[in-house]
């Protein structure tokens, strides 16, 4: 498996399995489990996809050691801001049945992204996130 190194030294697989638009939770769980059994180790989801519980169930069902996986999810617009971002992160961990995330992204550049980023930096410092970033941002956002 090939990896890329993020700015903070975290190794991320260059190929991952995403679950965007997988609305049927049983189908999503089966697809993620199949991807993991096939050898995928990076799974990408988001709060907005409303399928984090299915992803978490597949991870548990796979029996693959947590440290062999790279799990990414994203903070949705409605949860931007310091307090909301912290709460949304903890809900995501609960839905995914994980103790930490490998990568947590701000999904889109709307609302209080500065407050959300501050919360994410703290969660990173607390060891609950290995890397943080943004998604769907333009260079001037």
N, C-alpha and C. Protein backbone atom coordinates (compact mmCIF):
# COMPACT_ATOMS: atom_id res chain seq x y z
N UNK A 1 0.84 -1.18 0.00
CA UNK A 1 0.00 0.00 0.00
C UNK A 1 0.89 1.24 0.00
N UNK A 2 0.52 2.22 -0.80
CA UNK A 2 1.28 3.46 -0.88
C UNK A 2 0.66 4.50 0.05
N UNK A 3 1.52 5.35 0.59
CA UNK A 3 1.11 6.38 1.54
C UNK A 3 1.63 7.73 1.10
N UNK A 4 0.99 8.77 1.61
CA UNK A 4 1.51 10.12 1.51
C UNK A 4 1.72 10.61 2.93
N UNK A 5 2.65 11.51 3.11
CA UNK A 5 2.93 12.04 4.44
C UNK A 5 2.31 13.43 4.56
N UNK A 6 1.45 13.60 5.55
CA UNK A 6 0.83 14.90 5.79
C UNK A 6 1.84 15.84 6.46
N UNK A 7 1.51 17.12 6.53
CA UNK A 7 2.44 18.13 7.06
C UNK A 7 2.91 17.84 8.48
N UNK A 8 2.10 17.13 9.27
CA UNK A 8 2.49 16.84 10.65
C UNK A 8 3.17 15.47 10.79
N UNK A 9 3.48 14.82 9.66
CA UNK A 9 4.18 13.54 9.68
C UNK A 9 3.28 12.32 9.66
N UNK A 10 1.98 12.50 9.75
CA UNK A 10 1.04 11.37 9.72
C UNK A 10 1.05 10.74 8.33
N UNK A 11 1.10 9.42 8.30
CA UNK A 11 1.07 8.66 7.04
C UNK A 11 -0.38 8.34 6.68
N UNK A 12 -0.79 8.73 5.47
CA UNK A 12 -2.16 8.50 5.00
C UNK A 12 -2.13 7.68 3.72
N UNK A 13 -2.92 6.60 3.65
CA UNK A 13 -2.98 5.85 2.39
C UNK A 13 -3.41 6.77 1.24
N UNK A 14 -2.83 6.57 0.06
CA UNK A 14 -3.18 7.45 -1.07
C UNK A 14 -4.48 7.02 -1.75
N UNK A 15 -4.95 5.83 -1.44
CA UNK A 15 -6.20 5.34 -2.02
C UNK A 15 -7.16 4.99 -0.90
N UNK A 16 -8.39 5.48 -1.01
CA UNK A 16 -9.37 5.22 0.04
C UNK A 16 -10.72 4.87 -0.54
N UNK A 17 -11.64 4.50 0.35
CA UNK A 17 -13.00 4.13 -0.02
C UNK A 17 -13.94 5.15 0.60
N UNK A 18 -14.71 5.85 -0.25
CA UNK A 18 -15.65 6.86 0.21
C UNK A 18 -17.08 6.37 0.17
N UNK A 19 -17.90 6.93 1.06
CA UNK A 19 -19.29 6.47 1.18
C UNK A 19 -20.31 7.57 0.89
N UNK A 20 -19.92 8.56 0.11
CA UNK A 20 -20.84 9.63 -0.27
C UNK A 20 -22.03 9.04 -1.02
N UNK A 21 -23.22 9.48 -0.67
CA UNK A 21 -24.50 9.09 -1.28
C UNK A 21 -24.89 7.64 -1.02
N UNK A 22 -24.30 6.98 -0.04
CA UNK A 22 -24.74 5.65 0.36
C UNK A 22 -25.79 5.83 1.45
N UNK A 23 -27.03 6.00 1.05
CA UNK A 23 -28.12 6.28 1.98
C UNK A 23 -28.64 5.03 2.68
N UNK A 24 -28.60 3.89 2.01
CA UNK A 24 -29.05 2.63 2.60
C UNK A 24 -27.96 2.15 3.56
N UNK A 25 -28.26 2.18 4.87
CA UNK A 25 -27.23 1.90 5.86
C UNK A 25 -26.73 0.46 5.81
N UNK A 26 -27.60 -0.48 5.52
CA UNK A 26 -27.17 -1.88 5.40
C UNK A 26 -26.22 -2.03 4.21
N UNK A 27 -26.59 -1.42 3.10
CA UNK A 27 -25.73 -1.46 1.91
C UNK A 27 -24.38 -0.79 2.18
N UNK A 28 -24.41 0.33 2.90
CA UNK A 28 -23.18 1.04 3.24
C UNK A 28 -22.29 0.16 4.11
N UNK A 29 -22.86 -0.44 5.13
CA UNK A 29 -22.08 -1.31 6.01
C UNK A 29 -21.45 -2.45 5.24
N UNK A 30 -22.22 -3.09 4.38
CA UNK A 30 -21.71 -4.20 3.58
C UNK A 30 -20.61 -3.74 2.62
N UNK A 31 -20.79 -2.56 2.03
CA UNK A 31 -19.79 -2.03 1.09
C UNK A 31 -18.48 -1.72 1.80
N UNK A 32 -18.57 -1.09 2.98
CA UNK A 32 -17.36 -0.76 3.73
C UNK A 32 -16.67 -2.04 4.20
N UNK A 33 -17.44 -3.00 4.68
CA UNK A 33 -16.85 -4.27 5.11
C UNK A 33 -16.15 -4.94 3.93
N UNK A 34 -16.79 -4.95 2.77
CA UNK A 34 -16.17 -5.52 1.58
C UNK A 34 -14.89 -4.80 1.19
N UNK A 35 -14.92 -3.48 1.29
CA UNK A 35 -13.72 -2.69 0.97
C UNK A 35 -12.58 -3.03 1.93
N UNK A 36 -12.90 -3.13 3.21
CA UNK A 36 -11.88 -3.47 4.20
C UNK A 36 -11.33 -4.88 3.96
N UNK A 37 -12.21 -5.82 3.65
CA UNK A 37 -11.78 -7.19 3.38
C UNK A 37 -10.93 -7.28 2.11
N UNK A 38 -11.16 -6.36 1.18
CA UNK A 38 -10.40 -6.32 -0.07
C UNK A 38 -9.02 -5.70 0.13
N UNK A 39 -8.84 -4.95 1.20
CA UNK A 39 -7.54 -4.36 1.47
C UNK A 39 -7.53 -2.85 1.66
N UNK A 40 -8.66 -2.18 1.42
CA UNK A 40 -8.72 -0.75 1.69
C UNK A 40 -8.50 -0.52 3.17
N UNK A 41 -7.78 0.54 3.50
CA UNK A 41 -7.56 0.89 4.90
C UNK A 41 -7.98 2.32 5.21
N UNK A 42 -8.18 3.14 4.18
CA UNK A 42 -8.68 4.50 4.38
C UNK A 42 -10.17 4.50 4.04
N UNK A 43 -10.99 4.90 5.01
CA UNK A 43 -12.43 5.03 4.80
C UNK A 43 -12.79 6.49 5.03
N UNK A 44 -13.52 7.07 4.07
CA UNK A 44 -13.89 8.48 4.11
C UNK A 44 -15.41 8.61 4.22
N UNK A 45 -15.87 9.27 5.28
CA UNK A 45 -17.29 9.53 5.47
C UNK A 45 -17.45 10.99 5.90
N UNK A 46 -18.67 11.37 6.28
CA UNK A 46 -18.94 12.73 6.74
C UNK A 46 -20.26 12.74 7.49
N UNK A 47 -20.40 13.68 8.41
CA UNK A 47 -21.66 13.82 9.14
C UNK A 47 -22.81 14.04 8.16
N UNK A 48 -22.57 14.82 7.12
CA UNK A 48 -23.63 15.13 6.14
C UNK A 48 -24.10 13.91 5.36
N UNK A 49 -23.28 12.87 5.29
CA UNK A 49 -23.67 11.67 4.54
C UNK A 49 -24.66 10.82 5.32
N UNK A 50 -24.74 11.06 6.63
CA UNK A 50 -25.66 10.35 7.52
C UNK A 50 -25.47 8.83 7.50
N UNK A 51 -24.21 8.40 7.40
CA UNK A 51 -23.94 6.96 7.39
C UNK A 51 -22.74 6.57 8.27
N UNK A 52 -22.36 7.46 9.18
CA UNK A 52 -21.23 7.15 10.05
C UNK A 52 -21.50 5.91 10.91
N UNK A 53 -22.75 5.69 11.33
CA UNK A 53 -23.05 4.50 12.14
C UNK A 53 -22.79 3.22 11.35
N UNK A 54 -23.13 3.22 10.07
CA UNK A 54 -22.88 2.04 9.23
C UNK A 54 -21.39 1.82 9.04
N UNK A 55 -20.64 2.89 8.87
CA UNK A 55 -19.19 2.79 8.74
C UNK A 55 -18.60 2.22 10.03
N UNK A 56 -19.04 2.74 11.16
CA UNK A 56 -18.56 2.24 12.45
C UNK A 56 -18.87 0.77 12.65
N UNK A 57 -20.07 0.35 12.27
CA UNK A 57 -20.45 -1.06 12.40
C UNK A 57 -19.55 -1.94 11.53
N UNK A 58 -19.26 -1.49 10.32
CA UNK A 58 -18.39 -2.26 9.43
C UNK A 58 -16.98 -2.37 9.98
N UNK A 59 -16.48 -1.28 10.55
CA UNK A 59 -15.15 -1.30 11.16
C UNK A 59 -15.11 -2.33 12.27
N UNK A 60 -16.11 -2.30 13.15
CA UNK A 60 -16.17 -3.26 14.25
C UNK A 60 -16.27 -4.69 13.72
N UNK A 61 -17.12 -4.89 12.73
CA UNK A 61 -17.34 -6.22 12.17
C UNK A 61 -16.09 -6.77 11.48
N UNK A 62 -15.27 -5.89 10.95
CA UNK A 62 -14.09 -6.33 10.18
C UNK A 62 -13.06 -7.05 11.04
N UNK A 63 -12.97 -6.66 12.31
CA UNK A 63 -11.96 -7.24 13.18
C UNK A 63 -10.54 -6.74 12.91
N UNK A 64 -10.41 -5.77 12.03
CA UNK A 64 -9.09 -5.21 11.72
C UNK A 64 -8.65 -4.28 12.85
N UNK A 65 -7.41 -4.39 13.26
CA UNK A 65 -6.89 -3.57 14.34
C UNK A 65 -7.04 -2.09 13.99
N UNK A 66 -7.43 -1.30 14.97
CA UNK A 66 -7.67 0.13 14.74
C UNK A 66 -6.45 0.84 14.17
N UNK A 67 -5.27 0.48 14.64
CA UNK A 67 -4.07 1.17 14.18
C UNK A 67 -3.69 0.84 12.74
N UNK A 68 -4.39 -0.09 12.12
CA UNK A 68 -4.18 -0.41 10.70
C UNK A 68 -5.11 0.39 9.80
N UNK A 69 -6.04 1.12 10.40
CA UNK A 69 -7.05 1.85 9.62
C UNK A 69 -6.78 3.35 9.65
N UNK A 70 -7.29 4.03 8.63
CA UNK A 70 -7.22 5.49 8.56
C UNK A 70 -8.64 5.98 8.29
N UNK A 71 -9.27 6.56 9.31
CA UNK A 71 -10.67 6.95 9.22
C UNK A 71 -10.78 8.47 9.17
N UNK A 72 -11.49 8.94 8.15
CA UNK A 72 -11.73 10.37 7.95
C UNK A 72 -13.22 10.65 8.02
N UNK A 73 -13.59 11.72 8.71
CA UNK A 73 -14.95 12.22 8.62
C UNK A 73 -14.88 13.75 8.60
N UNK A 74 -16.03 14.36 8.37
CA UNK A 74 -16.05 15.80 8.14
C UNK A 74 -17.13 16.49 8.98
N UNK A 75 -16.80 17.69 9.42
CA UNK A 75 -17.71 18.55 10.17
C UNK A 75 -18.64 19.27 9.20
N UNK A 76 -19.94 19.16 9.40
CA UNK A 76 -20.89 19.79 8.50
C UNK A 76 -21.11 21.25 8.89
N UNK A 77 -21.59 22.03 7.95
CA UNK A 77 -21.78 23.48 8.07
C UNK A 77 -22.58 23.86 9.31
N UNK A 78 -23.65 23.15 9.60
CA UNK A 78 -24.52 23.50 10.74
C UNK A 78 -23.79 23.39 12.08
N UNK A 79 -22.67 22.68 12.10
CA UNK A 79 -21.92 22.49 13.34
C UNK A 79 -20.65 23.33 13.41
N UNK A 80 -20.51 24.31 12.52
CA UNK A 80 -19.35 25.20 12.58
C UNK A 80 -19.46 26.06 13.83
N UNK A 81 -18.34 26.51 14.31
CA UNK A 81 -18.27 27.26 15.56
C UNK A 81 -17.59 26.40 16.61
N UNK A 82 -17.03 27.05 17.61
CA UNK A 82 -16.22 26.35 18.60
C UNK A 82 -17.00 25.27 19.35
N UNK A 83 -18.04 25.64 20.06
CA UNK A 83 -18.79 24.67 20.88
C UNK A 83 -19.46 23.61 20.03
N UNK A 84 -20.10 24.04 18.95
CA UNK A 84 -20.79 23.08 18.08
C UNK A 84 -19.82 22.08 17.47
N UNK A 85 -18.64 22.54 17.10
CA UNK A 85 -17.65 21.64 16.49
C UNK A 85 -17.18 20.59 17.48
N UNK A 86 -16.93 21.00 18.72
CA UNK A 86 -16.52 20.02 19.74
C UNK A 86 -17.61 18.97 19.94
N UNK A 87 -18.85 19.42 20.07
CA UNK A 87 -19.97 18.49 20.28
C UNK A 87 -20.15 17.58 19.08
N UNK A 88 -20.07 18.13 17.88
CA UNK A 88 -20.24 17.34 16.66
C UNK A 88 -19.15 16.29 16.54
N UNK A 89 -17.94 16.65 16.92
CA UNK A 89 -16.83 15.70 16.87
C UNK A 89 -17.10 14.51 17.79
N UNK A 90 -17.53 14.79 19.02
CA UNK A 90 -17.81 13.71 19.97
C UNK A 90 -18.95 12.83 19.49
N UNK A 91 -19.95 13.42 18.86
CA UNK A 91 -21.05 12.62 18.28
C UNK A 91 -20.52 11.73 17.16
N UNK A 92 -19.63 12.27 16.34
CA UNK A 92 -19.05 11.48 15.24
C UNK A 92 -18.27 10.29 15.80
N UNK A 93 -17.46 10.53 16.82
CA UNK A 93 -16.72 9.43 17.44
C UNK A 93 -17.67 8.35 17.95
N UNK A 94 -18.76 8.78 18.56
CA UNK A 94 -19.75 7.84 19.09
C UNK A 94 -20.39 7.03 17.96
N UNK A 95 -20.79 7.71 16.89
CA UNK A 95 -21.42 7.01 15.76
C UNK A 95 -20.45 6.03 15.11
N UNK A 96 -19.19 6.41 15.03
CA UNK A 96 -18.18 5.56 14.41
C UNK A 96 -17.64 4.49 15.36
N UNK A 97 -17.97 4.62 16.64
CA UNK A 97 -17.49 3.69 17.68
C UNK A 97 -15.95 3.66 17.73
N UNK A 98 -15.37 4.87 17.71
CA UNK A 98 -13.92 5.00 17.72
C UNK A 98 -13.46 5.82 18.92
N UNK A 99 -12.19 5.68 19.26
CA UNK A 99 -11.59 6.47 20.33
C UNK A 99 -10.88 7.71 19.80
N UNK A 100 -10.57 7.70 18.51
CA UNK A 100 -9.91 8.85 17.88
C UNK A 100 -10.18 8.80 16.38
N UNK A 101 -9.94 9.92 15.71
CA UNK A 101 -10.02 9.99 14.25
C UNK A 101 -8.63 10.22 13.69
N UNK A 102 -8.41 9.68 12.51
CA UNK A 102 -7.14 9.92 11.84
C UNK A 102 -7.13 11.28 11.16
N UNK A 103 -8.26 11.68 10.58
CA UNK A 103 -8.35 12.96 9.90
C UNK A 103 -9.76 13.52 10.06
N UNK A 104 -9.84 14.76 10.53
CA UNK A 104 -11.13 15.44 10.69
C UNK A 104 -11.06 16.72 9.86
N UNK A 105 -12.03 16.89 8.98
CA UNK A 105 -12.04 18.01 8.04
C UNK A 105 -13.25 18.91 8.25
N UNK A 106 -13.08 20.19 8.01
CA UNK A 106 -14.23 21.09 7.88
C UNK A 106 -14.73 20.89 6.46
N UNK A 107 -15.98 20.46 6.32
CA UNK A 107 -16.50 20.00 5.03
C UNK A 107 -16.61 21.12 3.99
N UNK A 108 -17.05 22.30 4.41
CA UNK A 108 -17.23 23.41 3.47
C UNK A 108 -16.94 24.73 4.17
N UNK A 109 -16.55 25.76 3.41
CA UNK A 109 -16.12 27.03 4.00
C UNK A 109 -17.26 27.99 4.34
N UNK A 110 -18.18 27.55 5.18
CA UNK A 110 -19.31 28.41 5.55
C UNK A 110 -19.42 28.50 7.06
N UNK A 111 -20.05 29.58 7.52
CA UNK A 111 -20.32 29.81 8.93
C UNK A 111 -19.02 30.08 9.69
N UNK A 112 -18.98 29.76 10.96
CA UNK A 112 -17.84 30.09 11.81
C UNK A 112 -16.74 29.04 11.70
N UNK A 113 -16.03 29.05 10.59
CA UNK A 113 -14.96 28.07 10.39
C UNK A 113 -13.76 28.35 11.31
N UNK A 114 -13.58 29.60 11.73
CA UNK A 114 -12.46 29.93 12.61
C UNK A 114 -12.67 29.33 14.00
N UNK A 115 -13.90 29.41 14.51
CA UNK A 115 -14.21 28.78 15.79
C UNK A 115 -14.10 27.27 15.70
N UNK A 116 -14.57 26.71 14.60
CA UNK A 116 -14.48 25.26 14.39
C UNK A 116 -13.01 24.83 14.35
N UNK A 117 -12.20 25.59 13.65
CA UNK A 117 -10.78 25.25 13.53
C UNK A 117 -10.10 25.29 14.90
N UNK A 118 -10.44 26.29 15.71
CA UNK A 118 -9.87 26.39 17.05
C UNK A 118 -10.22 25.15 17.88
N UNK A 119 -11.47 24.70 17.78
CA UNK A 119 -11.90 23.49 18.50
C UNK A 119 -11.14 22.27 17.99
N UNK A 120 -10.96 22.19 16.67
CA UNK A 120 -10.25 21.05 16.09
C UNK A 120 -8.78 21.05 16.51
N UNK A 121 -8.17 22.22 16.61
CA UNK A 121 -6.79 22.29 17.09
C UNK A 121 -6.69 21.75 18.52
N UNK A 122 -7.65 22.10 19.35
CA UNK A 122 -7.65 21.60 20.73
C UNK A 122 -7.84 20.09 20.76
N UNK A 123 -8.76 19.57 19.96
CA UNK A 123 -8.99 18.12 19.90
C UNK A 123 -7.74 17.40 19.40
N UNK A 124 -7.05 18.02 18.47
CA UNK A 124 -5.76 17.49 17.99
C UNK A 124 -4.75 17.46 19.14
N UNK A 125 -4.64 18.57 19.87
CA UNK A 125 -3.70 18.65 21.00
C UNK A 125 -4.04 17.64 22.08
N UNK A 126 -5.33 17.30 22.22
CA UNK A 126 -5.79 16.32 23.21
C UNK A 126 -5.57 14.88 22.74
N UNK A 127 -5.11 14.71 21.51
CA UNK A 127 -4.84 13.37 20.99
C UNK A 127 -6.05 12.65 20.44
N UNK A 128 -7.15 13.36 20.26
CA UNK A 128 -8.37 12.74 19.74
C UNK A 128 -8.44 12.74 18.22
N UNK A 129 -7.58 13.54 17.59
CA UNK A 129 -7.49 13.62 16.13
C UNK A 129 -6.00 13.59 15.77
N UNK A 130 -5.64 12.79 14.78
CA UNK A 130 -4.23 12.73 14.37
C UNK A 130 -3.88 13.82 13.36
N UNK A 131 -4.87 14.29 12.58
CA UNK A 131 -4.62 15.36 11.61
C UNK A 131 -5.92 16.10 11.35
N UNK A 132 -5.82 17.38 11.07
CA UNK A 132 -7.00 18.20 10.77
C UNK A 132 -6.79 18.91 9.44
N UNK A 133 -7.91 19.29 8.81
CA UNK A 133 -7.81 19.98 7.53
C UNK A 133 -9.15 20.50 7.07
N UNK A 134 -9.20 20.89 5.80
CA UNK A 134 -10.42 21.42 5.20
C UNK A 134 -10.72 20.68 3.90
N UNK A 135 -11.97 20.77 3.49
CA UNK A 135 -12.44 20.12 2.27
C UNK A 135 -13.30 21.11 1.49
N UNK A 136 -13.18 21.12 0.20
CA UNK A 136 -13.99 21.99 -0.66
C UNK A 136 -13.74 23.48 -0.44
N UNK A 137 -12.57 23.84 0.03
CA UNK A 137 -12.20 25.24 0.20
C UNK A 137 -11.41 25.68 -1.03
N UNK A 138 -11.55 26.92 -1.39
CA UNK A 138 -10.73 27.52 -2.44
C UNK A 138 -9.52 28.18 -1.76
N UNK A 139 -8.45 28.46 -2.49
CA UNK A 139 -7.26 29.07 -1.88
C UNK A 139 -7.55 30.37 -1.12
N UNK A 140 -8.56 31.13 -1.52
CA UNK A 140 -8.82 32.40 -0.85
C UNK A 140 -9.86 32.29 0.26
N UNK A 141 -10.32 31.09 0.59
CA UNK A 141 -11.32 30.93 1.66
C UNK A 141 -10.69 31.06 3.01
